[in-house]
Every structure is written in structure tokens, then in C-alpha cells.
Amino acid sequence: MSAAAEDALKRLVVDVSDYPKPGVVFKDITPLLADHDGFTAVVQALAAAGRDAAGNVVIDKVVGMEARGFMFAAPVALALGAGFVPVRKAGKLPRDTFSESYALEYGDATIEIHKDGVAPGERVLVVDDVLATGGTVAATRTLIERCGGVVHSVAVLLELTFLPGREAVADVPLLALEQV
């Protein structure tokens, strides 16, 4: 990761105590999004997960999950010259979808992808803001595989190391720009 991306994460991701409930320290990324140089540096750092050691693009699509993952995945796709595919909450996509339900800390969620969002054999970079328990990433991987795609790697802004997210990613290479 570049020094600029590392500096941007340290300066521009703000801890907000007791949000959204007491005892939680929320990582506010909005100052990072508002800073052109910092946002650019972070997008370039995340895009590295879609390149080989020589800098060649090795993925066909970038998938981002609703909602904060969109903010990073779409510009990463542009940086790599790849297509962007959204994974959305149930009922938000207008055409035929694959759905996947998964457990959250306090309940369940269902996400969807268009059935034609990823073509068979396409290599996919999954991008999200935070890797916590890994449920969303695991469900997204299942959706991509149901389309016939292959998850090449996962890139996240922040990995919460006190939660089991890395285990959920399993054998897929994971790039976390910062571990907290």
C-alpha cells in the first residue's frame, strides 16, 4: 500500500464512539470520501487486488455490496478498466436475480445479484468497506459462483480482526488496507 493511502486512512477515517449504539466504535469513512487525494490513493490501493505482480489487470468484474461497498467498488472498477456489478438488498434489482440469505449479528439479511451480472468463467474482485464477521462476503461469493464466476480476491478498506471475517473469506486472497 502506498504511503498516501496509509496516511489517508490514518487521517480521514474517524472513530465515532457509541454509534449506532453504546459500546460500538463506528468507523466513519465520509471524511475520506470527501478528500479527493485520499480517496484516490485508497481506490488505487484497493485496485492492487485486481492486478498481478507485474501490474497487469487479472479480473473481469468488480462486485461491490450495498451500500458502502458501492462507494469503493465502482471507482476501483474504473481504475482497473473492468465492469462494476452491484450486490443489493433483496427486492432492489429489477431483473432476474440469484438471492442468498445469511446470518447477521442480530438477525438475517438477503442479498441479490442479477443472474447475468457475472458471466461464467469471469474472474471477480469483491470490494467492500469493512470486513467484520464475513457473512456478506461469503454470501456474495456464493452469488458470484451461482452466476458461474470465480472470486479472484477480496479487497476491503478495514478488517476488524477481533471478528472472524478472515475465516469466512477462507481460501480467497484478502487485501485489507488497515486492520483494527
C-alpha atoms as a PDB file:
ATOM      1  CA  MET A   1       0.000   0.000   0.000  1.00  0.00           C
ATOM      2  CA  SER A   2       1.234   3.467  -0.822  1.00  0.00           C
ATOM      3  CA  ALA A   3       2.234   5.942   1.851  1.00  0.00           C
ATOM      4  CA  ALA A   4      -0.526   8.240   0.582  1.00  0.00           C
ATOM      5  CA  ALA A   5      -3.211   5.580   1.135  1.00  0.00           C
ATOM      6  CA  GLU A   6      -1.841   4.720   4.564  1.00  0.00           C
ATOM      7  CA  ASP A   7      -1.790   8.395   5.537  1.00  0.00           C
ATOM      8  CA  ALA A   8      -5.327   8.922   4.229  1.00  0.00           C
ATOM      9  CA  LEU A   9      -6.677   6.044   6.317  1.00  0.00           C
ATOM     10  CA  LYS A  10      -4.996   7.340   9.464  1.00  0.00           C
ATOM     11  CA  ARG A  11      -6.101  10.960   8.939  1.00  0.00           C
ATOM     12  CA  LEU A  12      -9.510  10.597   7.383  1.00  0.00           C
ATOM     13  CA  VAL A  13     -11.266   7.594   8.925  1.00  0.00           C
ATOM     14  CA  VAL A  14     -12.804   8.920  12.123  1.00  0.00           C
ATOM     15  CA  ASP A  15     -13.805   6.829  15.143  1.00  0.00           C
ATOM     16  CA  VAL A  16     -17.257   7.692  16.474  1.00  0.00           C
ATOM     17  CA  SER A  17     -17.856   6.243  19.934  1.00  0.00           C
ATOM     18  CA  ASP A  18     -21.205   4.778  20.934  1.00  0.00           C
ATOM     19  CA  TYR A  19     -22.661   4.830  17.412  1.00  0.00           C
ATOM     20  CA  PRO A  20     -25.081   3.371  16.425  1.00  0.00           C
ATOM     21  CA  LYS A  21     -25.410   2.066  19.993  1.00  0.00           C
ATOM     22  CA  PRO A  22     -23.456   2.247  23.252  1.00  0.00           C
ATOM     23  CA  GLY A  23     -20.193   0.332  23.236  1.00  0.00           C
ATOM     24  CA  VAL A  24     -19.725   0.384  19.451  1.00  0.00           C
ATOM     25  CA  VAL A  25     -16.912   2.372  17.846  1.00  0.00           C
ATOM     26  CA  PHE A  26     -18.128   3.238  14.343  1.00  0.00           C
ATOM     27  CA  LYS A  27     -15.573   3.883  11.588  1.00  0.00           C
ATOM     28  CA  ASP A  28     -16.806   6.975   9.726  1.00  0.00           C
ATOM     29  CA  ILE A  29     -15.417   6.978   6.177  1.00  0.00           C
ATOM     30  CA  THR A  30     -17.198  10.130   4.983  1.00  0.00           C
ATOM     31  CA  PRO A  31     -14.152  12.400   5.564  1.00  0.00           C
ATOM     32  CA  LEU A  32     -12.108  10.012   3.379  1.00  0.00           C
ATOM     33  CA  LEU A  33     -14.724  10.141   0.615  1.00  0.00           C
ATOM     34  CA  ALA A  34     -14.696  13.951   0.732  1.00  0.00           C
ATOM     35  CA  ASP A  35     -10.909  14.193   0.297  1.00  0.00           C
ATOM     36  CA  HIS A  36     -10.012  13.786  -3.397  1.00  0.00           C
ATOM     37  CA  ASP A  37      -6.357  12.862  -2.864  1.00  0.00           C
ATOM     38  CA  GLY A  38      -7.068  10.476  -0.006  1.00  0.00           C
ATOM     39  CA  PHE A  39      -9.971   8.806  -1.794  1.00  0.00           C
ATOM     40  CA  THR A  40      -7.882   8.420  -4.959  1.00  0.00           C
ATOM     41  CA  ALA A  41      -4.991   6.868  -3.024  1.00  0.00           C
ATOM     42  CA  VAL A  42      -7.293   4.376  -1.302  1.00  0.00           C
ATOM     43  CA  VAL A  43      -9.037   3.409  -4.563  1.00  0.00           C
ATOM     44  CA  GLN A  44      -5.655   2.760  -6.189  1.00  0.00           C
ATOM     45  CA  ALA A  45      -4.570   0.668  -3.191  1.00  0.00           C
ATOM     46  CA  LEU A  46      -7.749  -1.433  -3.342  1.00  0.00           C
ATOM     47  CA  ALA A  47      -7.331  -1.881  -7.110  1.00  0.00           C
ATOM     48  CA  ALA A  48      -3.992  -3.628  -6.463  1.00  0.00           C
ATOM     49  CA  ALA A  49      -6.003  -6.729  -5.518  1.00  0.00           C
ATOM     50  CA  GLY A  50      -7.132  -6.949  -9.156  1.00  0.00           C
ATOM     51  CA  ARG A  51      -3.603  -6.849 -10.601  1.00  0.00           C
ATOM     52  CA  ASP A  52      -0.762  -9.352 -10.769  1.00  0.00           C
ATOM     53  CA  ALA A  53       2.803  -8.666  -9.564  1.00  0.00           C
ATOM     54  CA  ALA A  54       3.650  -7.013 -12.903  1.00  0.00           C
ATOM     55  CA  GLY A  55       0.656  -4.657 -12.626  1.00  0.00           C
ATOM     56  CA  ASN A  56      -1.497  -6.387 -15.236  1.00  0.00           C
ATOM     57  CA  VAL A  57      -5.245  -6.491 -14.635  1.00  0.00           C
ATOM     58  CA  VAL A  58      -6.287 -10.082 -13.873  1.00  0.00           C
ATOM     59  CA  ILE A  59     -10.005  -9.650 -13.210  1.00  0.00           C
ATOM     60  CA  ASP A  60     -13.026  -9.090 -15.435  1.00  0.00           C
ATOM     61  CA  LYS A  61     -15.523  -7.595 -12.992  1.00  0.00           C
ATOM     62  CA  VAL A  62     -15.594  -5.796  -9.664  1.00  0.00           C
ATOM     63  CA  VAL A  63     -18.509  -6.609  -7.358  1.00  0.00           C
ATOM     64  CA  GLY A  64     -19.480  -4.230  -4.580  1.00  0.00           C
ATOM     65  CA  MET A  65     -22.046  -4.730  -1.861  1.00  0.00           C
ATOM     66  CA  GLU A  66     -24.707  -2.267  -0.814  1.00  0.00           C
ATOM     67  CA  ALA A  67     -24.259   0.333   0.394  1.00  0.00           C
ATOM     68  CA  ARG A  68     -20.802   1.494   1.440  1.00  0.00           C
ATOM     69  CA  GLY A  69     -19.076  -1.104  -0.735  1.00  0.00           C
ATOM     70  CA  PHE A  70     -20.513   0.679  -3.789  1.00  0.00           C
ATOM     71  CA  MET A  71     -18.542   3.803  -2.903  1.00  0.00           C
ATOM     72  CA  PHE A  72     -15.264   1.934  -3.326  1.00  0.00           C
ATOM     73  CA  ALA A  73     -16.075  -0.825  -5.816  1.00  0.00           C
ATOM     74  CA  ALA A  74     -17.295   1.415  -8.641  1.00  0.00           C
ATOM     75  CA  PRO A  75     -14.166   3.619  -8.758  1.00  0.00           C
ATOM     76  CA  VAL A  76     -11.960   0.517  -8.349  1.00  0.00           C
ATOM     77  CA  ALA A  77     -13.676  -0.956 -11.431  1.00  0.00           C
ATOM     78  CA  LEU A  78     -12.920   2.247 -13.347  1.00  0.00           C
ATOM     79  CA  ALA A  79      -9.282   2.165 -12.197  1.00  0.00           C
ATOM     80  CA  LEU A  80      -8.968  -1.412 -13.472  1.00  0.00           C
ATOM     81  CA  GLY A  81     -10.902  -0.931 -16.711  1.00  0.00           C
ATOM     82  CA  ALA A  82     -13.413  -3.546 -15.547  1.00  0.00           C
ATOM     83  CA  GLY A  83     -17.174  -3.666 -15.215  1.00  0.00           C
ATOM     84  CA  PHE A  84     -18.921  -2.982 -11.909  1.00  0.00           C
ATOM     85  CA  VAL A  85     -21.672  -5.288 -10.636  1.00  0.00           C
ATOM     86  CA  PRO A  86     -23.796  -4.310  -7.631  1.00  0.00           C
ATOM     87  CA  VAL A  87     -24.961  -6.759  -4.987  1.00  0.00           C
ATOM     88  CA  ARG A  88     -28.069  -5.285  -3.410  1.00  0.00           C
ATOM     89  CA  LYS A  89     -30.559  -5.911  -0.657  1.00  0.00           C
ATOM     90  CA  ALA A  90     -33.473  -8.137  -1.667  1.00  0.00           C
ATOM     91  CA  GLY A  91     -36.015  -6.540  -3.962  1.00  0.00           C
ATOM     92  CA  LYS A  92     -33.814  -3.685  -5.220  1.00  0.00           C
ATOM     93  CA  LEU A  93     -32.701  -5.153  -8.566  1.00  0.00           C
ATOM     94  CA  PRO A  94     -35.233  -5.029 -11.422  1.00  0.00           C
ATOM     95  CA  ARG A  95     -34.486  -8.218 -13.381  1.00  0.00           C
ATOM     96  CA  ASP A  96     -33.980 -11.932 -12.653  1.00  0.00           C
ATOM     97  CA  THR A  97     -31.699 -12.420  -9.681  1.00  0.00           C
ATOM     98  CA  PHE A  98     -29.994 -15.000  -7.561  1.00  0.00           C
ATOM     99  CA  SER A  99     -30.635 -14.481  -3.828  1.00  0.00           C
ATOM    100  CA  GLU A 100     -28.631 -15.518  -0.806  1.00  0.00           C
ATOM    101  CA  SER A 101     -29.646 -15.200   2.844  1.00  0.00           C
ATOM    102  CA  TYR A 102     -27.147 -15.123   5.667  1.00  0.00           C
ATOM    103  CA  ALA A 103     -26.992 -14.505   9.394  1.00  0.00           C
ATOM    104  CA  LEU A 104     -26.147 -11.139  10.871  1.00  0.00           C
ATOM    105  CA  GLU A 105     -25.204 -10.448  14.455  1.00  0.00           C
ATOM    106  CA  TYR A 106     -28.839  -9.578  15.218  1.00  0.00           C
ATOM    107  CA  GLY A 107     -30.980 -11.285  12.587  1.00  0.00           C
ATOM    108  CA  ASP A 108     -30.835 -12.237   8.922  1.00  0.00           C
ATOM    109  CA  ALA A 109     -30.283 -10.483   5.618  1.00  0.00           C
ATOM    110  CA  THR A 110     -30.796 -11.370   1.989  1.00  0.00           C
ATOM    111  CA  ILE A 111     -28.740 -10.003  -0.891  1.00  0.00           C
ATOM    112  CA  GLU A 112     -29.154 -10.391  -4.627  1.00  0.00           C
ATOM    113  CA  ILE A 113     -27.232 -10.193  -7.886  1.00  0.00           C
ATOM    114  CA  HIS A 114     -28.578 -10.097 -11.425  1.00  0.00           C
ATOM    115  CA  LYS A 115     -28.313 -13.589 -12.908  1.00  0.00           C
ATOM    116  CA  ASP A 116     -26.397 -12.153 -15.871  1.00  0.00           C
ATOM    117  CA  GLY A 117     -24.242  -9.805 -13.771  1.00  0.00           C
ATOM    118  CA  VAL A 118     -21.231 -12.106 -13.917  1.00  0.00           C
ATOM    119  CA  ALA A 119     -20.693 -14.393 -16.901  1.00  0.00           C
ATOM    120  CA  PRO A 120     -19.465 -17.982 -16.482  1.00  0.00           C
ATOM    121  CA  GLY A 121     -15.702 -18.047 -16.044  1.00  0.00           C
ATOM    122  CA  GLU A 122     -15.298 -14.358 -15.302  1.00  0.00           C
ATOM    123  CA  ARG A 123     -12.775 -13.504 -12.598  1.00  0.00           C
ATOM    124  CA  VAL A 124     -14.162 -11.212  -9.931  1.00  0.00           C
ATOM    125  CA  LEU A 125     -12.679  -8.842  -7.376  1.00  0.00           C
ATOM    126  CA  VAL A 126     -15.051  -8.340  -4.426  1.00  0.00           C
ATOM    127  CA  VAL A 127     -14.729  -4.906  -2.784  1.00  0.00           C
ATOM    128  CA  ASP A 128     -16.318  -3.717   0.454  1.00  0.00           C
ATOM    129  CA  ASP A 129     -15.606  -1.102   3.089  1.00  0.00           C
ATOM    130  CA  VAL A 130     -15.306  -3.288   6.214  1.00  0.00           C
ATOM    131  CA  LEU A 131     -14.749  -6.989   6.776  1.00  0.00           C
ATOM    132  CA  ALA A 132     -16.344  -7.901  10.116  1.00  0.00           C
ATOM    133  CA  THR A 133     -17.988 -11.316  10.560  1.00  0.00           C
ATOM    134  CA  GLY A 134     -17.615 -12.116   6.864  1.00  0.00           C
ATOM    135  CA  GLY A 135     -21.257 -13.020   6.291  1.00  0.00           C
ATOM    136  CA  THR A 136     -21.782 -10.526   3.489  1.00  0.00           C
ATOM    137  CA  VAL A 137     -18.574 -11.526   1.708  1.00  0.00           C
ATOM    138  CA  ALA A 138     -19.381 -15.235   1.995  1.00  0.00           C
ATOM    139  CA  ALA A 139     -22.918 -14.693   0.683  1.00  0.00           C
ATOM    140  CA  THR A 140     -21.571 -12.548  -2.165  1.00  0.00           C
ATOM    141  CA  ARG A 141     -19.093 -15.263  -3.089  1.00  0.00           C
ATOM    142  CA  THR A 142     -21.947 -17.765  -3.253  1.00  0.00           C
ATOM    143  CA  LEU A 143     -23.898 -15.438  -5.577  1.00  0.00           C
ATOM    144  CA  ILE A 144     -20.907 -14.964  -7.887  1.00  0.00           C
ATOM    145  CA  GLU A 145     -20.338 -18.717  -8.049  1.00  0.00           C
ATOM    146  CA  ARG A 146     -24.032 -19.294  -8.816  1.00  0.00           C
ATOM    147  CA  CYS A 147     -23.569 -16.984 -11.819  1.00  0.00           C
ATOM    148  CA  GLY A 148     -20.606 -19.139 -12.873  1.00  0.00           C
ATOM    149  CA  GLY A 149     -17.955 -16.604 -11.909  1.00  0.00           C
ATOM    150  CA  VAL A 150     -14.793 -17.140  -9.900  1.00  0.00           C
ATOM    151  CA  VAL A 151     -13.860 -14.930  -6.961  1.00  0.00           C
ATOM    152  CA  HIS A 152     -10.247 -13.968  -7.600  1.00  0.00           C
ATOM    153  CA  SER A 153      -9.745 -11.838  -4.487  1.00  0.00           C
ATOM    154  CA  VAL A 154     -11.400  -9.679  -1.845  1.00  0.00           C
ATOM    155  CA  ALA A 155     -10.302  -6.130  -1.020  1.00  0.00           C
ATOM    156  CA  VAL A 156     -11.549  -4.119   1.940  1.00  0.00           C
ATOM    157  CA  LEU A 157     -10.723  -0.794   3.460  1.00  0.00           C
ATOM    158  CA  LEU A 158     -10.777  -2.080   7.048  1.00  0.00           C
ATOM    159  CA  GLU A 159     -10.656  -5.534   8.620  1.00  0.00           C
ATOM    160  CA  LEU A 160     -11.959  -5.880  12.164  1.00  0.00           C
ATOM    161  CA  THR A 161      -9.506  -8.512  13.389  1.00  0.00           C
ATOM    162  CA  PHE A 162     -11.428  -9.242  16.605  1.00  0.00           C
ATOM    163  CA  LEU A 163     -14.212 -10.744  14.458  1.00  0.00           C
ATOM    164  CA  PRO A 164     -13.972 -13.928  12.309  1.00  0.00           C
ATOM    165  CA  GLY A 165     -14.279 -12.299   8.873  1.00  0.00           C
ATOM    166  CA  ARG A 166     -10.989 -13.661   7.557  1.00  0.00           C
ATOM    167  CA  GLU A 167     -12.216 -17.205   8.266  1.00  0.00           C
ATOM    168  CA  ALA A 168     -15.317 -16.578   6.147  1.00  0.00           C
ATOM    169  CA  VAL A 169     -13.151 -15.429   3.218  1.00  0.00           C
ATOM    170  CA  ALA A 170     -11.389 -18.816   3.507  1.00  0.00           C
ATOM    171  CA  ASP A 171      -9.053 -19.605   0.632  1.00  0.00           C
ATOM    172  CA  VAL A 172      -9.617 -16.396  -1.345  1.00  0.00           C
ATOM    173  CA  PRO A 173      -6.750 -13.875  -1.207  1.00  0.00           C
ATOM    174  CA  LEU A 174      -7.699 -10.938   1.021  1.00  0.00           C
ATOM    175  CA  LEU A 175      -6.300  -7.421   0.869  1.00  0.00           C
ATOM    176  CA  ALA A 176      -7.198  -5.317   3.912  1.00  0.00           C
ATOM    177  CA  LEU A 177      -5.763  -1.821   3.753  1.00  0.00           C
ATOM    178  CA  GLU A 178      -5.942  -1.496   7.527  1.00  0.00           C
ATOM    179  CA  GLN A 179      -6.516  -3.975  10.328  1.00  0.00           C
ATOM    180  CA  VAL A 180      -8.170  -2.772  13.517  1.00  0.00           C
END
